[in-house]
Amino acid sequence: MSAELNVIGGHLYLERDGMVLLGQRHPDSAYAGGHWHALAGHVEREPVRTCVVREAMEEAELVVAEEDLTLVHTVHLLDHEDAIPRIQLFFQAGRWQGEPRVLEKDKCLRWAWWPIDSLPEPTVPYTRAAIEGIRAGRLYTEMGWRRQK
């Protein structure tokens, strides 16, 4: 088996008063149109925390400092057999400034706070799995991988 590059996604997990912040993806999105999803973006040539801070500002005008981010869950995802593997890293912000605003209308319709035990439908499956893992105190989830015999 040869090495294969994985795409890395940085996600911001915000929780307050038993609620979690999710954005509803634009219906024309290439991935999961209409689904609810954590604030996220692909890691470019940068550290993951830098990506999360950048995306928070670009997508929702939220100010987050890298030192306030704690890795709380990792999802290793294979959407289908021919998909590029993805590593989705979820960081919780201990504090932040601002209220979420929709800044990329072609990507996100709205931001909303949802009860952590009653997520909206449809929620991106790996986002739901990560939130469930965070609630259960698990640090890692695998999705879509078939076990080799």
N, C-alpha and C. Protein backbone atom coordinates (compact mmCIF):
# COMPACT_ATOMS: atom_id res chain seq x y z
N MET A 1 0.85 -1.18 0.00
CA MET A 1 0.00 0.00 0.00
C MET A 1 0.89 1.23 0.00
N SER A 2 0.58 2.20 -0.85
CA SER A 2 1.38 3.42 -0.94
C SER A 2 0.75 4.53 -0.11
N ALA A 3 1.58 5.51 0.23
CA ALA A 3 1.08 6.66 0.99
C ALA A 3 0.14 7.47 0.12
N GLU A 4 -0.89 8.00 0.76
CA GLU A 4 -1.84 8.84 0.05
C GLU A 4 -2.06 10.12 0.86
N LEU A 5 -2.03 11.25 0.17
CA LEU A 5 -2.27 12.52 0.85
C LEU A 5 -3.72 12.60 1.31
N ASN A 6 -3.93 13.25 2.45
CA ASN A 6 -5.26 13.48 3.00
C ASN A 6 -5.52 14.98 3.04
N VAL A 7 -6.74 15.39 2.75
CA VAL A 7 -7.14 16.78 2.88
C VAL A 7 -7.45 17.03 4.36
N ILE A 8 -7.03 18.18 4.86
CA ILE A 8 -7.28 18.52 6.27
C ILE A 8 -8.29 19.66 6.33
N GLY A 9 -9.30 19.48 7.16
CA GLY A 9 -10.29 20.52 7.41
C GLY A 9 -10.17 21.02 8.84
N GLY A 10 -10.23 22.33 9.01
CA GLY A 10 -10.23 22.93 10.34
C GLY A 10 -11.63 23.42 10.66
N HIS A 11 -12.14 23.05 11.83
CA HIS A 11 -13.52 23.37 12.24
C HIS A 11 -13.53 24.10 13.57
N LEU A 12 -14.45 25.04 13.70
CA LEU A 12 -14.63 25.78 14.94
C LEU A 12 -15.88 25.25 15.63
N TYR A 13 -15.68 24.71 16.81
CA TYR A 13 -16.79 24.21 17.63
C TYR A 13 -17.06 25.26 18.70
N LEU A 14 -18.21 25.93 18.58
CA LEU A 14 -18.61 26.93 19.57
C LEU A 14 -19.83 26.44 20.32
N GLU A 15 -19.72 26.46 21.63
CA GLU A 15 -20.82 26.03 22.49
C GLU A 15 -21.03 27.10 23.56
N ARG A 16 -22.31 27.42 23.79
CA ARG A 16 -22.65 28.30 24.91
C ARG A 16 -24.07 27.97 25.37
N ASP A 17 -24.24 27.94 26.67
CA ASP A 17 -25.55 27.70 27.28
C ASP A 17 -26.24 26.46 26.71
N GLY A 18 -25.49 25.38 26.50
CA GLY A 18 -26.06 24.14 25.99
C GLY A 18 -26.43 24.17 24.51
N MET A 19 -25.95 25.20 23.81
CA MET A 19 -26.24 25.36 22.38
C MET A 19 -24.93 25.32 21.59
N VAL A 20 -25.02 24.85 20.35
CA VAL A 20 -23.86 24.78 19.46
C VAL A 20 -24.15 25.59 18.20
N LEU A 21 -23.13 26.29 17.70
CA LEU A 21 -23.28 27.11 16.50
C LEU A 21 -23.11 26.27 15.24
N LEU A 22 -24.10 26.35 14.36
CA LEU A 22 -24.03 25.68 13.05
C LEU A 22 -24.51 26.65 11.98
N GLY A 23 -23.98 26.47 10.78
CA GLY A 23 -24.39 27.26 9.63
C GLY A 23 -25.11 26.38 8.63
N GLN A 24 -26.13 26.93 7.99
CA GLN A 24 -26.83 26.18 6.95
C GLN A 24 -26.16 26.46 5.62
N ARG A 25 -25.62 25.40 5.01
CA ARG A 25 -24.90 25.54 3.75
C ARG A 25 -25.85 25.94 2.63
N HIS A 26 -25.34 26.72 1.70
CA HIS A 26 -26.12 27.15 0.55
C HIS A 26 -26.55 25.92 -0.24
N PRO A 27 -27.78 25.87 -0.77
CA PRO A 27 -28.24 24.69 -1.51
C PRO A 27 -27.38 24.35 -2.73
N ASP A 28 -26.70 25.35 -3.30
CA ASP A 28 -25.85 25.11 -4.47
C ASP A 28 -24.42 24.71 -4.11
N SER A 29 -24.14 24.51 -2.83
CA SER A 29 -22.79 24.12 -2.42
C SER A 29 -22.40 22.78 -3.04
N ALA A 30 -21.13 22.67 -3.40
CA ALA A 30 -20.63 21.43 -4.00
C ALA A 30 -20.73 20.26 -3.02
N TYR A 31 -20.62 20.55 -1.73
CA TYR A 31 -20.69 19.51 -0.71
C TYR A 31 -21.82 19.82 0.26
N ALA A 32 -22.73 18.89 0.45
CA ALA A 32 -23.77 18.95 1.48
C ALA A 32 -24.65 20.20 1.40
N GLY A 33 -25.10 20.55 0.21
CA GLY A 33 -25.98 21.69 0.05
C GLY A 33 -27.22 21.58 0.92
N GLY A 34 -27.54 22.65 1.64
CA GLY A 34 -28.71 22.68 2.51
C GLY A 34 -28.51 22.10 3.89
N HIS A 35 -27.40 21.39 4.11
CA HIS A 35 -27.13 20.78 5.40
C HIS A 35 -26.58 21.81 6.39
N TRP A 36 -26.72 21.50 7.66
CA TRP A 36 -26.14 22.30 8.73
C TRP A 36 -24.75 21.77 9.03
N HIS A 37 -23.82 22.68 9.30
CA HIS A 37 -22.42 22.30 9.42
C HIS A 37 -21.69 23.27 10.36
N ALA A 38 -20.64 22.79 10.98
CA ALA A 38 -19.80 23.66 11.80
C ALA A 38 -19.07 24.66 10.90
N LEU A 39 -18.68 25.77 11.45
CA LEU A 39 -17.85 26.72 10.73
C LEU A 39 -16.54 26.01 10.40
N ALA A 40 -16.15 26.02 9.12
CA ALA A 40 -15.00 25.20 8.72
C ALA A 40 -14.37 25.69 7.43
N GLY A 41 -13.17 25.18 7.17
CA GLY A 41 -12.50 25.46 5.92
C GLY A 41 -11.34 24.52 5.71
N HIS A 42 -10.90 24.44 4.46
CA HIS A 42 -9.73 23.63 4.14
C HIS A 42 -8.47 24.34 4.63
N VAL A 43 -7.57 23.55 5.19
CA VAL A 43 -6.29 24.09 5.63
C VAL A 43 -5.46 24.35 4.38
N GLU A 44 -5.00 25.58 4.26
CA GLU A 44 -4.13 25.96 3.15
C GLU A 44 -2.69 25.76 3.62
N ARG A 45 -1.76 26.46 3.10
CA ARG A 45 -0.37 26.31 3.55
C ARG A 45 -0.20 27.13 4.84
N GLU A 46 -0.75 26.57 5.94
CA GLU A 46 -0.82 27.26 7.23
C GLU A 46 -1.07 26.23 8.32
N PRO A 47 -0.79 26.57 9.57
CA PRO A 47 -1.17 25.68 10.67
C PRO A 47 -2.70 25.62 10.80
N VAL A 48 -3.20 24.54 11.34
CA VAL A 48 -4.65 24.35 11.42
C VAL A 48 -5.31 25.44 12.27
N ARG A 49 -4.73 25.79 13.39
CA ARG A 49 -5.33 26.84 14.23
C ARG A 49 -5.42 28.16 13.47
N THR A 50 -4.42 28.46 12.67
CA THR A 50 -4.45 29.68 11.86
C THR A 50 -5.61 29.62 10.88
N CYS A 51 -5.84 28.46 10.29
CA CYS A 51 -6.97 28.26 9.38
C CYS A 51 -8.29 28.53 10.09
N VAL A 52 -8.46 27.98 11.28
CA VAL A 52 -9.72 28.14 12.01
C VAL A 52 -9.96 29.61 12.35
N VAL A 53 -8.92 30.31 12.79
CA VAL A 53 -9.04 31.74 13.11
C VAL A 53 -9.41 32.52 11.85
N ARG A 54 -8.74 32.22 10.75
CA ARG A 54 -9.02 32.91 9.47
C ARG A 54 -10.45 32.66 9.02
N GLU A 55 -10.87 31.41 9.05
CA GLU A 55 -12.23 31.06 8.60
C GLU A 55 -13.29 31.71 9.50
N ALA A 56 -13.05 31.77 10.80
CA ALA A 56 -14.02 32.40 11.71
C ALA A 56 -14.26 33.85 11.32
N MET A 57 -13.18 34.55 10.96
CA MET A 57 -13.31 35.95 10.56
C MET A 57 -13.95 36.05 9.17
N GLU A 58 -13.47 35.24 8.20
CA GLU A 58 -13.96 35.33 6.82
C GLU A 58 -15.43 34.92 6.68
N GLU A 59 -15.84 33.90 7.43
CA GLU A 59 -17.19 33.36 7.27
C GLU A 59 -18.22 34.01 8.17
N ALA A 60 -17.80 34.43 9.38
CA ALA A 60 -18.81 34.87 10.35
C ALA A 60 -18.44 36.12 11.13
N GLU A 61 -17.30 36.72 10.82
CA GLU A 61 -16.82 37.91 11.52
C GLU A 61 -16.68 37.66 13.03
N LEU A 62 -16.21 36.48 13.37
CA LEU A 62 -15.92 36.14 14.76
C LEU A 62 -14.42 36.27 14.99
N VAL A 63 -14.06 36.85 16.12
CA VAL A 63 -12.65 37.01 16.47
C VAL A 63 -12.29 35.92 17.47
N VAL A 64 -11.34 35.08 17.06
CA VAL A 64 -10.87 33.99 17.90
C VAL A 64 -9.35 34.05 17.90
N ALA A 65 -8.75 33.83 19.05
CA ALA A 65 -7.28 33.79 19.14
C ALA A 65 -6.82 32.33 19.12
N GLU A 66 -5.73 32.08 18.42
CA GLU A 66 -5.21 30.71 18.31
C GLU A 66 -5.00 30.08 19.68
N GLU A 67 -4.50 30.85 20.64
CA GLU A 67 -4.22 30.28 21.97
C GLU A 67 -5.49 29.90 22.72
N ASP A 68 -6.66 30.35 22.26
CA ASP A 68 -7.93 29.99 22.89
C ASP A 68 -8.58 28.76 22.26
N LEU A 69 -7.90 28.13 21.30
CA LEU A 69 -8.44 26.96 20.62
C LEU A 69 -7.85 25.67 21.19
N THR A 70 -8.73 24.71 21.48
CA THR A 70 -8.33 23.41 21.99
C THR A 70 -8.89 22.33 21.07
N LEU A 71 -8.04 21.42 20.63
CA LEU A 71 -8.50 20.31 19.80
C LEU A 71 -9.39 19.41 20.64
N VAL A 72 -10.65 19.22 20.21
CA VAL A 72 -11.59 18.42 20.98
C VAL A 72 -12.07 17.17 20.25
N HIS A 73 -11.86 17.10 18.93
CA HIS A 73 -12.26 15.88 18.21
C HIS A 73 -11.61 15.84 16.83
N THR A 74 -11.34 14.62 16.38
CA THR A 74 -10.80 14.38 15.04
C THR A 74 -11.68 13.33 14.37
N VAL A 75 -12.06 13.59 13.12
CA VAL A 75 -12.80 12.61 12.31
C VAL A 75 -11.92 12.28 11.11
N HIS A 76 -11.62 10.99 10.93
CA HIS A 76 -10.92 10.54 9.73
C HIS A 76 -11.98 9.97 8.82
N LEU A 77 -12.18 10.61 7.67
CA LEU A 77 -13.36 10.40 6.84
C LEU A 77 -12.99 9.92 5.44
N LEU A 78 -13.73 8.94 4.98
CA LEU A 78 -13.67 8.52 3.59
C LEU A 78 -15.12 8.50 3.10
N ASP A 79 -15.51 9.53 2.32
CA ASP A 79 -16.91 9.68 1.90
C ASP A 79 -17.40 8.51 1.05
N HIS A 80 -16.53 8.01 0.18
CA HIS A 80 -16.85 6.84 -0.64
C HIS A 80 -15.53 6.21 -1.07
N GLU A 81 -15.59 5.04 -1.66
CA GLU A 81 -14.39 4.27 -1.96
C GLU A 81 -13.34 5.04 -2.78
N ASP A 82 -13.77 5.89 -3.71
CA ASP A 82 -12.84 6.62 -4.57
C ASP A 82 -12.53 8.04 -4.07
N ALA A 83 -13.06 8.40 -2.92
CA ALA A 83 -12.88 9.76 -2.40
C ALA A 83 -11.46 9.98 -1.88
N ILE A 84 -11.07 11.23 -1.85
CA ILE A 84 -9.82 11.61 -1.19
C ILE A 84 -10.07 11.53 0.32
N PRO A 85 -9.21 10.84 1.06
CA PRO A 85 -9.39 10.79 2.52
C PRO A 85 -9.28 12.18 3.12
N ARG A 86 -10.03 12.40 4.18
CA ARG A 86 -10.04 13.70 4.84
C ARG A 86 -9.88 13.54 6.34
N ILE A 87 -9.12 14.46 6.91
CA ILE A 87 -8.96 14.53 8.36
C ILE A 87 -9.62 15.83 8.79
N GLN A 88 -10.65 15.70 9.61
CA GLN A 88 -11.43 16.86 10.06
C GLN A 88 -11.11 17.12 11.53
N LEU A 89 -10.49 18.25 11.80
CA LEU A 89 -10.07 18.61 13.15
C LEU A 89 -11.02 19.66 13.72
N PHE A 90 -11.60 19.35 14.87
CA PHE A 90 -12.55 20.24 15.53
C PHE A 90 -11.89 20.89 16.74
N PHE A 91 -11.86 22.23 16.73
CA PHE A 91 -11.27 23.00 17.82
C PHE A 91 -12.36 23.77 18.54
N GLN A 92 -12.37 23.67 19.86
CA GLN A 92 -13.31 24.45 20.65
C GLN A 92 -12.63 25.73 21.10
N ALA A 93 -13.34 26.83 20.98
CA ALA A 93 -12.84 28.12 21.44
C ALA A 93 -13.28 28.34 22.87
N GLY A 94 -12.31 28.59 23.74
CA GLY A 94 -12.63 28.90 25.13
C GLY A 94 -13.30 30.26 25.27
N ARG A 95 -12.98 31.13 24.32
CA ARG A 95 -13.63 32.46 24.27
C ARG A 95 -13.52 32.98 22.85
N TRP A 96 -14.37 33.92 22.54
CA TRP A 96 -14.39 34.57 21.22
C TRP A 96 -15.12 35.88 21.35
N GLN A 97 -15.00 36.71 20.32
CA GLN A 97 -15.70 37.99 20.30
C GLN A 97 -16.58 38.04 19.07
N GLY A 98 -17.76 38.63 19.25
CA GLY A 98 -18.67 38.85 18.14
C GLY A 98 -19.83 37.88 18.13
N GLU A 99 -20.81 38.23 17.34
CA GLU A 99 -21.95 37.36 17.07
C GLU A 99 -21.85 36.97 15.59
N PRO A 100 -22.14 35.72 15.27
CA PRO A 100 -21.96 35.28 13.88
C PRO A 100 -22.84 36.04 12.90
N ARG A 101 -22.20 36.47 11.80
CA ARG A 101 -22.89 37.13 10.70
C ARG A 101 -22.58 36.36 9.43
N VAL A 102 -23.51 36.28 8.51
CA VAL A 102 -23.28 35.62 7.23
C VAL A 102 -22.49 36.57 6.34
N LEU A 103 -21.26 36.19 6.02
CA LEU A 103 -20.40 37.02 5.18
C LEU A 103 -20.18 36.41 3.80
N GLU A 104 -20.38 35.11 3.67
CA GLU A 104 -20.22 34.43 2.38
C GLU A 104 -21.57 33.85 1.97
N LYS A 105 -22.43 34.71 1.43
CA LYS A 105 -23.81 34.33 1.12
C LYS A 105 -23.92 33.22 0.08
N ASP A 106 -22.86 33.04 -0.71
CA ASP A 106 -22.87 31.96 -1.70
C ASP A 106 -22.51 30.62 -1.07
N LYS A 107 -22.09 30.62 0.20
CA LYS A 107 -21.70 29.39 0.88
C LYS A 107 -22.59 29.07 2.08
N CYS A 108 -23.12 30.10 2.73
CA CYS A 108 -23.87 29.90 3.97
C CYS A 108 -25.12 30.78 3.96
N LEU A 109 -26.26 30.19 4.24
CA LEU A 109 -27.52 30.95 4.28
C LEU A 109 -27.73 31.66 5.60
N ARG A 110 -27.36 30.96 6.71
CA ARG A 110 -27.58 31.56 8.03
C ARG A 110 -26.81 30.79 9.08
N TRP A 111 -26.55 31.46 10.20
CA TRP A 111 -25.95 30.87 11.39
C TRP A 111 -27.04 30.78 12.45
N ALA A 112 -27.00 29.70 13.23
CA ALA A 112 -27.98 29.56 14.30
C ALA A 112 -27.39 28.72 15.43
N TRP A 113 -27.85 29.01 16.63
CA TRP A 113 -27.47 28.22 17.81
C TRP A 113 -28.51 27.14 18.01
N TRP A 114 -28.06 25.89 18.12
CA TRP A 114 -28.95 24.74 18.26
C TRP A 114 -28.69 24.02 19.58
N PRO A 115 -29.76 23.51 20.21
CA PRO A 115 -29.55 22.70 21.42
C PRO A 115 -28.61 21.53 21.09
N ILE A 116 -27.62 21.34 21.93
CA ILE A 116 -26.60 20.34 21.64
C ILE A 116 -27.18 18.92 21.59
N ASP A 117 -28.31 18.72 22.24
CA ASP A 117 -28.93 17.39 22.23
C ASP A 117 -30.08 17.30 21.23
N SER A 118 -30.23 18.31 20.38
CA SER A 118 -31.30 18.33 19.38
C SER A 118 -30.82 19.08 18.13
N LEU A 119 -29.87 18.47 17.42
CA LEU A 119 -29.31 19.10 16.23
C LEU A 119 -30.32 19.11 15.09
N PRO A 120 -30.22 20.09 14.20
CA PRO A 120 -31.19 20.20 13.10
C PRO A 120 -30.97 19.11 12.05
N GLU A 121 -32.01 18.89 11.27
CA GLU A 121 -31.93 17.98 10.12
C GLU A 121 -32.02 18.81 8.86
N PRO A 122 -31.21 18.50 7.88
CA PRO A 122 -30.10 17.55 7.95
C PRO A 122 -28.82 18.24 8.45
N THR A 123 -28.06 17.53 9.27
CA THR A 123 -26.74 17.98 9.70
C THR A 123 -25.72 17.12 8.97
N VAL A 124 -24.61 17.72 8.52
CA VAL A 124 -23.55 16.95 7.87
C VAL A 124 -23.18 15.78 8.79
N PRO A 125 -23.20 14.54 8.27
CA PRO A 125 -22.99 13.37 9.14
C PRO A 125 -21.70 13.40 9.97
N TYR A 126 -20.59 13.83 9.38
CA TYR A 126 -19.36 13.82 10.19
C TYR A 126 -19.37 14.92 11.25
N THR A 127 -20.11 16.01 10.99
CA THR A 127 -20.26 17.06 12.00
C THR A 127 -21.08 16.53 13.17
N ARG A 128 -22.16 15.84 12.86
CA ARG A 128 -22.99 15.21 13.91
C ARG A 128 -22.15 14.22 14.72
N ALA A 129 -21.36 13.39 14.02
CA ALA A 129 -20.52 12.40 14.70
C ALA A 129 -19.50 13.08 15.61
N ALA A 130 -18.92 14.19 15.15
CA ALA A 130 -17.94 14.91 15.97
C ALA A 130 -18.61 15.49 17.22
N ILE A 131 -19.77 16.09 17.06
CA ILE A 131 -20.47 16.67 18.21
C ILE A 131 -20.84 15.57 19.21
N GLU A 132 -21.33 14.45 18.71
CA GLU A 132 -21.63 13.32 19.60
C GLU A 132 -20.37 12.83 20.30
N GLY A 133 -19.25 12.77 19.57
CA GLY A 133 -17.99 12.36 20.17
C GLY A 133 -17.52 13.33 21.25
N ILE A 134 -17.65 14.62 20.98
CA ILE A 134 -17.27 15.64 21.97
C ILE A 134 -18.11 15.47 23.23
N ARG A 135 -19.41 15.29 23.05
CA ARG A 135 -20.31 15.13 24.21
C ARG A 135 -19.97 13.89 25.02
N ALA A 136 -19.50 12.83 24.34
CA ALA A 136 -19.17 11.57 25.01
C ALA A 136 -17.74 11.56 25.56
N GLY A 137 -16.97 12.60 25.26
CA GLY A 137 -15.59 12.65 25.72
C GLY A 137 -14.63 11.83 24.87
N ARG A 138 -15.06 11.43 23.66
CA ARG A 138 -14.18 10.70 22.74
C ARG A 138 -13.41 11.71 21.90
N LEU A 139 -12.18 11.39 21.57
CA LEU A 139 -11.34 12.31 20.81
C LEU A 139 -11.28 11.97 19.33
N TYR A 140 -11.75 10.76 18.94
CA TYR A 140 -11.50 10.31 17.57
C TYR A 140 -12.66 9.48 17.06
N THR A 141 -13.01 9.71 15.77
CA THR A 141 -14.04 8.94 15.07
C THR A 141 -13.54 8.61 13.67
N GLU A 142 -13.80 7.40 13.22
CA GLU A 142 -13.55 7.02 11.82
C GLU A 142 -14.89 6.83 11.13
N MET A 143 -14.99 7.32 9.90
CA MET A 143 -16.22 7.16 9.13
C MET A 143 -15.88 6.75 7.71
N GLY A 144 -16.60 5.75 7.19
CA GLY A 144 -16.50 5.35 5.79
C GLY A 144 -15.39 4.39 5.46
N TRP A 145 -14.60 4.00 6.43
CA TRP A 145 -13.49 3.09 6.17
C TRP A 145 -13.96 1.66 6.34
N ARG A 146 -13.64 0.83 5.35
CA ARG A 146 -13.92 -0.61 5.46
C ARG A 146 -12.69 -1.27 6.07
N ARG A 147 -12.95 -2.17 6.94
CA ARG A 147 -11.84 -2.89 7.58
C ARG A 147 -11.27 -3.91 6.61
N GLN A 148 -9.95 -3.93 6.47
CA GLN A 148 -9.26 -4.91 5.63
C GLN A 148 -9.17 -6.23 6.39
N LYS A 149 -9.39 -7.33 5.69
CA LYS A 149 -9.28 -8.65 6.35
C LYS A 149 -7.94 -9.25 6.06
